[in-house]
Each structure stands twice: as structure tokens, then as C-alpha cells.
Amino acid sequence: MARGRPSGDAARTAAETAPLSELGGATTEPHAGRTPAVEVVDVRRRFGAREALAGASFTVVQGELFGLLGPNGGGKSTLFRIIATLLRADGGTARILGHDVMAAPDEVRRRLGVVFQHPSVDGKLTVEENLRHHGRLYGLRGGRLGERIDGLLSRLGLADRRRELVERLSGGLRRRVELAKGLLPRPAVLLLDEPSTGLDPAARRDFLAELRALRDADGVTVLLTTHHMEEAERCDRVAILDRGRVVALGAPDALKAAVGGDVLVVETPTAEVLRDGVRARFGVAGTLVDGTLRLEHPRAHELVRELVEAFPGAVRTITYGKPTLEDVFVHATGHRFAAEAPA
């Protein structure tokens, strides 16, 4: 059964044929000439025998909404903690607006706002009380603090909830309070670790829309980690992490275009035999993923018919459609985007 419309006959663009790991590089950099806000160069980190980061590198420019996408255990949270000055790297360099996170952590912290994956608001305090206590930690007092709180509550749709206990708010509203805390010191760079954890799809979309609006209004650079494809799709650029390495980097649309045509997934009892037969018959190299055969082809609708006619006993079902970021991940790694940490 088909899950999308067939692709056309147009020739691939240069972006479509470029290596996935280079689509955010100098030749296709969409923000060339803009000042780097976050620089990560060959960052490595081990926990005993496990290599959590194996030389990750990327740059985030000022005013960009940038996503770190990867499965659990891929290295996102470790990298987040290093950038946030909470964990030292074993090697490499990370800088925030030119300040080294290990050599000058205090300078880095003055420029950061951080929203953690796990809630950091106090449910027994009101929305306003949470923000006032947080602001005082940054040396904010009196009218200056009050003005910032009023402005954030208004912009984030929390003004009528300011005296309500946080524990009585919905998950989406509690996440807005977390975001208000992160923005209260007016950071140049906002870090968010899995910011939509616990949110339903509608609340997740609303939260991402709020991030974009804040970025557009204030020019804040936003770097978030996520394992949600939809969340990554809404970023300006994304670095896909797997087992501590950046396996793809670029704008979501460019990464998907580089996959090369539509993606077909064939369920078959003889995956290896069918893969070899398809390569010999049609010259199309397939990938075995969890017992299925995955193929990339610019004219998927034609290949579907030809596969069924050539291998009628080997094909159980076929699905095809335009590439997604999950297809990008499979293309770059040869395995699925696992929900759990890799063994």
C-alpha cells in the first residue's frame, strides 16, 4: 500500500547529492557570515567503558533555532550538560559567544538561560513566586524584576495564572512557567533539554510556536535537544546524533532531499535474498532494517509495480512515501531510530 504520492522526474539538486554530514557545512551554510553563538568542536566524553560523545562538532549562529535530534542514549543530554557547564568534556572545545565552557564557566552562565528536561518549578508556589525566587538568584530586585515578570507572563499567556499554584496547572502551562524562568535573566542563548517532555502533540506544537515567536521578537539563540521528529522539523537546522557522533547536519528539508527520492519499505520473509535480487535486477541497493528491506528510488510508484511483478512470492506489503527525518537517520546509520539507548 502506498503512503504518499510518487516523486517526479526532475534531476536532483546539488544539495540532494551532498553527503548528509556536510549539508550544514561551509558550502551550504544558510547563515554564512553571522556570528557563532554556540561552537562545539570535536567534543568527547566517556563514562567508564561507554563512549557517550565521540567527537561531536557543529556551530549554531546567533538568532537560530537549532535542534539536537537523536534517540535516547545518542549523546544529546551529555552534550547539553557540557554546553550548560554542568559536565566537563574529556576532549574538544565548546564555546558560548566566544567563551570556553570549561575555561570560563562563569562568563558562559551569565549568557545562558536553561530549561531542563525534568521540572524545576516548585508546585507549592504560585507562578509569580517561582519567578520572583528565580530572579533573585540572578540579582534582580524590585521594579526591575517586577517588570520582567509582568512582560513574560503576558507574552506567554500566563498573566491570569500568576497567583495560581503551579501544581494546579496543566503540563503545557507548567512548561511555559519553565520557559519564563529560563528567559527571566534575558539570556543571549537559551538551552532546552527535551522541552516538550510530557506534552501532548497540540501542546508541543504550541510550545514550539512560542519559542519561534520569542526568538523572532528578541533575537534569542535557541538550542534544544529532542527525540521528536516533529519538533526537529520546526528547527532552522538540526544536528542528528547517534552513538555520540553527528551523523547528519543541515536544514530539515535539505537533509530529507539528500536521501534521494521516495523511500520504500518492503516486508518480506526473505529480506537478504530479495535485497540481492533487487540489486541484480534493477541496480538499486537496499538496506536491511529490522527484517524489512528499505529502498530509495526517485520513481517509487514504478518500482512498486516492478517489484511485485518480478518477485511475487517474496513481497508481503510495500509502503512508500516522501523521506522523513527518520529516513534521514536510517540513511546515515543503517538502523532505526531506537526509542531506547543502543546496546
Protein backbone atom coordinates (compact mmCIF):
# COMPACT_ATOMS: atom_id res chain seq x y z
CA MET A 1 0.00 0.00 0.00
CA ALA A 2 1.26 3.49 -0.80
CA ARG A 3 1.62 6.14 1.88
CA GLY A 4 2.43 9.08 -0.37
CA ARG A 5 2.45 10.48 -3.85
CA PRO A 6 5.20 9.50 -6.26
CA SER A 7 8.15 11.73 -6.92
CA GLY A 8 8.71 13.44 -10.26
CA ASP A 9 11.45 13.09 -12.85
CA ALA A 10 13.35 16.26 -12.03
CA ALA A 11 17.09 15.94 -11.66
CA ARG A 12 18.47 16.03 -8.14
CA THR A 13 19.94 19.27 -6.90
CA ALA A 14 23.47 19.60 -5.57
CA ALA A 15 22.06 19.51 -2.04
CA GLU A 16 20.33 16.21 -2.75
CA THR A 17 23.58 14.54 -3.74
CA ALA A 18 25.76 16.03 -0.97
CA PRO A 19 26.79 13.88 1.99
CA LEU A 20 24.32 14.27 4.85
CA SER A 21 27.07 15.22 7.27
CA GLU A 22 28.06 18.18 5.08
CA LEU A 23 24.71 19.85 4.49
CA GLY A 24 25.35 22.33 7.30
CA GLY A 25 28.93 22.98 6.20
CA ALA A 26 30.60 25.92 4.55
CA THR A 27 29.26 25.23 1.07
CA THR A 28 25.62 25.12 2.09
CA GLU A 29 25.66 27.15 5.31
CA PRO A 30 22.42 29.22 5.30
CA HIS A 31 23.76 31.76 7.80
CA ALA A 32 27.27 32.33 6.46
CA GLY A 33 28.86 35.46 7.91
CA ARG A 34 26.72 35.56 11.05
CA THR A 35 28.35 35.42 14.48
CA PRO A 36 28.54 31.99 16.13
CA ALA A 37 26.53 31.72 19.34
CA VAL A 38 27.44 28.10 20.13
CA GLU A 39 30.56 26.34 18.86
CA VAL A 40 31.14 22.65 19.51
CA VAL A 41 34.43 21.27 18.17
CA ASP A 42 35.40 17.59 18.48
CA VAL A 43 33.79 17.22 21.93
CA ARG A 44 34.33 13.81 23.55
CA ARG A 45 33.13 12.24 26.80
CA ARG A 46 33.34 8.75 28.28
CA PHE A 47 31.58 7.18 31.22
CA GLY A 48 33.81 4.24 32.09
CA ALA A 49 33.91 1.95 29.07
CA ARG A 50 30.99 3.71 27.36
CA GLU A 51 31.76 6.47 24.85
CA ALA A 52 28.90 8.95 25.19
CA LEU A 53 30.40 11.52 22.80
CA ALA A 54 32.86 10.58 20.07
CA GLY A 55 34.00 13.90 18.60
CA ALA A 56 30.79 15.90 18.07
CA SER A 57 31.14 19.15 16.10
CA PHE A 58 28.68 21.83 14.91
CA THR A 59 28.08 25.59 15.06
CA VAL A 60 24.90 27.49 15.96
CA VAL A 61 24.69 31.09 14.76
CA GLN A 62 23.04 33.94 16.64
CA GLY A 63 19.28 34.06 16.26
CA GLU A 64 18.99 30.46 15.11
CA LEU A 65 16.56 27.81 16.37
CA PHE A 66 18.77 24.72 16.36
CA GLY A 67 17.85 21.16 17.25
CA LEU A 68 19.92 18.24 18.53
CA LEU A 69 17.93 15.21 17.39
CA GLY A 70 18.75 11.68 18.42
CA PRO A 71 17.48 8.55 20.15
CA ASN A 72 17.80 8.11 23.88
CA GLY A 73 21.41 7.22 24.58
CA GLY A 74 22.63 9.04 21.47
CA GLY A 75 24.59 11.68 23.39
CA LYS A 76 22.16 14.62 23.41
CA SER A 77 21.84 15.09 27.15
CA THR A 78 25.58 14.61 27.74
CA LEU A 79 26.34 17.32 25.20
CA PHE A 80 23.63 19.55 26.71
CA ARG A 81 25.23 19.22 30.16
CA ILE A 82 28.67 20.08 28.78
CA ILE A 83 27.37 23.19 26.97
CA ALA A 84 25.49 24.22 30.14
CA THR A 85 28.77 23.98 32.16
CA LEU A 86 27.38 21.12 34.28
CA LEU A 87 29.79 18.46 33.00
CA ARG A 88 33.39 18.61 31.81
CA ALA A 89 34.33 17.15 28.45
CA ASP A 90 37.21 14.71 28.15
CA GLY A 91 38.39 16.46 24.98
CA GLY A 92 37.47 19.05 22.40
CA THR A 93 36.11 22.56 22.84
CA ALA A 94 32.69 24.14 23.43
CA ARG A 95 32.16 27.91 23.40
CA ILE A 96 29.21 30.21 24.06
CA LEU A 97 29.61 33.57 22.31
CA GLY A 98 33.37 33.02 22.28
CA HIS A 99 33.67 31.97 25.94
CA ASP A 100 35.03 28.49 26.64
CA VAL A 101 32.58 26.48 28.76
CA MET A 102 35.40 24.82 30.72
CA ALA A 103 37.88 27.70 31.00
CA ALA A 104 35.32 30.47 31.68
CA PRO A 105 32.13 28.85 33.07
CA ASP A 106 31.00 31.97 34.95
CA GLU A 107 31.14 34.08 31.77
CA VAL A 108 29.14 31.38 29.96
CA ARG A 109 26.47 31.16 32.67
CA ARG A 110 25.87 34.90 32.51
CA ARG A 111 24.79 34.44 28.89
CA LEU A 112 22.69 31.30 29.27
CA GLY A 113 19.09 30.51 30.09
CA VAL A 114 18.45 26.83 30.78
CA VAL A 115 15.27 24.74 30.78
CA PHE A 116 15.89 21.21 32.00
CA GLN A 117 14.10 18.05 30.95
CA HIS A 118 12.85 17.41 34.47
CA PRO A 119 10.66 20.08 36.13
CA SER A 120 12.48 22.68 38.20
CA VAL A 121 9.46 24.73 39.29
CA ASP A 122 8.04 24.40 42.81
CA GLY A 123 4.47 23.16 42.62
CA LYS A 124 3.66 24.55 46.09
CA LEU A 125 4.47 28.09 44.99
CA THR A 126 2.46 30.29 42.66
CA VAL A 127 3.62 31.12 39.17
CA GLU A 128 4.74 34.58 40.26
CA GLU A 129 6.52 33.28 43.38
CA ASN A 130 8.52 30.83 41.29
CA LEU A 131 9.68 33.63 39.01
CA ARG A 132 10.48 36.02 41.86
CA HIS A 133 12.66 33.47 43.64
CA HIS A 134 14.43 32.61 40.39
CA GLY A 135 15.01 36.28 39.54
CA ARG A 136 16.62 36.96 42.91
CA LEU A 137 19.19 34.24 42.21
CA TYR A 138 20.27 36.44 39.28
CA GLY A 139 20.42 39.58 41.40
CA LEU A 140 17.13 41.02 40.13
CA ARG A 141 15.10 43.05 42.61
CA GLY A 142 12.21 45.47 42.95
CA GLY A 143 10.64 47.17 39.98
CA ARG A 144 13.15 45.78 37.51
CA LEU A 145 12.22 42.21 38.47
CA GLY A 146 8.51 43.03 38.52
CA GLU A 147 8.63 44.49 35.01
CA ARG A 148 10.35 41.41 33.61
CA ILE A 149 7.86 39.09 35.29
CA ASP A 150 4.90 41.09 34.02
CA GLY A 151 6.26 41.09 30.48
CA LEU A 152 6.95 37.35 30.39
CA LEU A 153 3.63 36.39 31.94
CA SER A 154 1.84 38.49 29.35
CA ARG A 155 3.80 37.16 26.38
CA LEU A 156 3.45 33.53 27.45
CA GLY A 157 -0.27 33.72 28.22
CA LEU A 158 0.20 33.30 31.97
CA ALA A 159 -0.91 36.70 33.25
CA ASP A 160 -4.23 35.39 34.56
CA ARG A 161 -2.45 32.46 36.27
CA ARG A 162 0.18 34.43 38.15
CA ARG A 163 -1.33 33.74 41.60
CA GLU A 164 -2.22 30.12 40.88
CA LEU A 165 -0.22 27.26 42.40
CA VAL A 166 1.96 25.64 39.73
CA GLU A 167 0.82 22.14 40.78
CA ARG A 168 -2.68 23.03 39.60
CA LEU A 169 -1.58 23.94 36.08
CA SER A 170 -1.70 21.67 33.05
CA GLY A 171 1.52 20.19 31.70
CA GLY A 172 1.65 22.72 28.89
CA LEU A 173 1.24 25.68 31.25
CA ARG A 174 3.86 24.33 33.66
CA ARG A 175 6.26 24.10 30.71
CA ARG A 176 5.53 27.77 29.93
CA VAL A 177 6.49 28.64 33.52
CA GLU A 178 9.77 26.75 33.00
CA LEU A 179 10.34 28.75 29.81
CA ALA A 180 9.60 32.01 31.64
CA LYS A 181 12.23 31.09 34.24
CA GLY A 182 14.78 30.43 31.52
CA LEU A 183 14.05 33.76 29.83
CA LEU A 184 13.86 35.87 33.00
CA PRO A 185 17.57 36.86 33.05
CA ARG A 186 17.30 37.79 29.34
CA PRO A 187 19.87 35.30 28.09
CA ALA A 188 21.59 35.54 24.74
CA VAL A 189 21.42 31.75 24.38
CA LEU A 190 18.54 29.56 25.59
CA LEU A 191 19.22 25.85 26.14
CA LEU A 192 16.29 23.45 26.40
CA ASP A 193 16.67 19.74 27.18
CA GLU A 194 13.71 17.77 25.77
CA PRO A 195 11.42 20.79 26.34
CA SER A 196 8.19 19.05 25.27
CA THR A 197 8.53 16.08 27.63
CA GLY A 198 5.08 15.11 28.87
CA LEU A 199 3.21 17.34 26.44
CA ASP A 200 0.56 16.12 24.02
CA PRO A 201 1.08 16.83 20.29
CA ALA A 202 -1.05 20.00 20.31
CA ALA A 203 0.73 21.43 23.36
CA ARG A 204 4.08 20.52 21.77
CA ARG A 205 3.22 22.50 18.63
CA ASP A 206 2.09 25.47 20.73
CA PHE A 207 5.33 25.38 22.74
CA LEU A 208 7.46 25.36 19.58
CA ALA A 209 5.42 28.26 18.18
CA GLU A 210 6.11 30.22 21.36
CA LEU A 211 9.85 29.55 21.02
CA ARG A 212 9.82 30.80 17.45
CA ALA A 213 7.90 33.94 18.42
CA LEU A 214 10.32 34.69 21.26
CA ARG A 215 13.30 34.07 19.01
CA ASP A 216 11.88 36.40 16.34
CA ALA A 217 10.99 39.12 18.84
CA ASP A 218 14.18 39.14 20.94
CA GLY A 219 16.81 37.52 18.73
CA VAL A 220 17.50 34.82 21.32
CA THR A 221 19.51 31.87 20.05
CA VAL A 222 17.68 28.64 20.91
CA LEU A 223 19.32 25.22 21.13
CA LEU A 224 17.10 22.32 22.08
CA THR A 225 17.51 18.57 22.37
CA THR A 226 14.71 16.28 21.25
CA HIS A 227 13.81 12.79 20.12
CA HIS A 228 10.58 14.01 18.50
CA MET A 229 10.78 14.23 14.70
CA GLU A 230 8.01 16.85 14.52
CA GLU A 231 9.90 19.08 16.95
CA ALA A 232 13.10 18.80 14.92
CA GLU A 233 11.20 19.58 11.70
CA ARG A 234 10.36 23.04 13.08
CA CYS A 235 14.00 23.97 13.72
CA ASP A 236 16.03 26.10 11.32
CA ARG A 237 18.75 23.45 11.31
CA VAL A 238 19.28 20.17 13.05
CA ALA A 239 22.25 18.01 14.02
CA ILE A 240 21.34 14.32 14.19
CA LEU A 241 23.30 12.43 16.83
CA ASP A 242 23.80 8.69 17.04
CA ARG A 243 26.09 6.93 19.49
CA GLY A 244 27.98 10.11 20.26
CA ARG A 245 28.53 11.26 16.67
CA VAL A 246 26.89 13.86 14.44
CA VAL A 247 25.72 11.73 11.52
CA ALA A 248 23.78 14.44 9.66
CA LEU A 249 23.70 18.24 9.84
CA GLY A 250 21.61 20.78 7.97
CA ALA A 251 18.16 22.25 7.39
CA PRO A 252 15.44 19.58 7.72
CA ASP A 253 14.25 19.97 4.12
CA ALA A 254 17.80 19.75 2.75
CA LEU A 255 18.51 16.63 4.78
CA LYS A 256 15.35 14.94 3.52
CA ALA A 257 16.10 15.93 -0.07
CA ALA A 258 19.55 14.35 0.21
CA VAL A 259 18.05 10.92 0.90
CA GLY A 260 17.41 10.60 -2.83
CA GLY A 261 13.85 10.06 -3.97
CA ASP A 262 10.99 8.26 -2.24
CA VAL A 263 11.58 5.65 0.43
CA LEU A 264 10.10 2.17 0.02
CA VAL A 265 9.82 -0.33 2.85
CA VAL A 266 9.19 -3.93 1.79
CA GLU A 267 8.01 -6.54 4.27
CA THR A 268 9.31 -9.90 3.12
CA PRO A 269 10.13 -13.32 4.56
CA THR A 270 13.40 -13.37 2.58
CA ALA A 271 14.91 -9.92 3.11
CA GLU A 272 18.52 -10.75 2.20
CA VAL A 273 17.55 -12.77 -0.88
CA LEU A 274 15.21 -10.02 -2.05
CA ARG A 275 17.86 -7.35 -1.47
CA ASP A 276 20.33 -9.23 -3.65
CA GLY A 277 17.67 -9.85 -6.30
CA VAL A 278 16.64 -6.20 -6.46
CA ARG A 279 20.26 -5.11 -6.81
CA ALA A 280 20.87 -7.59 -9.63
CA ARG A 281 17.57 -6.90 -11.44
CA PHE A 282 17.16 -3.12 -11.01
CA GLY A 283 20.55 -1.87 -9.84
CA VAL A 284 19.02 -0.47 -6.63
CA ALA A 285 21.00 -1.06 -3.42
CA GLY A 286 18.76 -1.77 -0.44
CA THR A 287 19.28 -1.68 3.32
CA LEU A 288 18.04 -4.33 5.75
CA VAL A 289 16.37 -2.72 8.75
CA ASP A 290 14.70 -4.90 11.40
CA GLY A 291 13.86 -7.65 8.92
CA THR A 292 12.48 -5.31 6.25
CA LEU A 293 14.08 -4.17 3.00
CA ARG A 294 14.42 -0.40 2.65
CA LEU A 295 14.92 1.11 -0.82
CA GLU A 296 15.40 4.67 -2.09
CA HIS A 297 14.23 5.46 -5.61
CA PRO A 298 13.20 8.65 -7.47
CA ARG A 299 10.26 6.85 -9.19
CA ALA A 300 8.86 4.78 -6.38
CA HIS A 301 5.45 4.21 -7.97
CA GLU A 302 7.07 2.45 -10.93
CA LEU A 303 9.39 0.39 -8.75
CA VAL A 304 6.46 -0.84 -6.64
CA ARG A 305 4.80 -2.40 -9.66
CA GLU A 306 8.06 -3.86 -10.96
CA LEU A 307 8.93 -5.38 -7.59
CA VAL A 308 5.59 -7.13 -7.28
CA GLU A 309 5.80 -8.47 -10.84
CA ALA A 310 9.43 -9.63 -10.52
CA PHE A 311 9.23 -11.12 -7.01
CA PRO A 312 5.55 -12.02 -6.42
CA GLY A 313 6.27 -14.62 -3.75
CA ALA A 314 8.76 -12.51 -1.80
CA VAL A 315 6.70 -9.33 -1.29
CA ARG A 316 4.16 -9.24 1.51
CA THR A 317 3.50 -5.50 1.69
CA ILE A 318 5.12 -2.35 0.35
CA THR A 319 4.79 1.17 1.71
CA TYR A 320 6.38 4.26 0.22
CA GLY A 321 6.41 7.99 0.72
CA LYS A 322 8.50 11.14 0.82
CA PRO A 323 11.55 10.98 3.11
CA THR A 324 11.20 11.98 6.76
CA LEU A 325 13.91 12.83 9.27
CA GLU A 326 13.66 9.26 10.49
CA ASP A 327 14.52 8.16 6.95
CA VAL A 328 17.50 10.53 7.11
CA PHE A 329 18.61 8.80 10.30
CA VAL A 330 18.29 5.33 8.74
CA HIS A 331 20.09 6.53 5.59
CA ALA A 332 23.00 7.81 7.68
CA THR A 333 23.25 4.97 10.21
CA GLY A 334 21.73 1.85 8.64
CA HIS A 335 19.46 1.23 11.63
CA ARG A 336 16.19 2.52 13.03
CA PHE A 337 15.75 5.50 15.29
CA ALA A 338 15.54 3.45 18.52
CA ALA A 339 13.47 4.66 21.46
CA GLU A 340 15.95 3.23 23.93
CA ALA A 341 19.69 3.54 24.31
CA PRO A 342 21.73 1.33 21.97
CA ALA A 343 23.43 -1.70 23.46
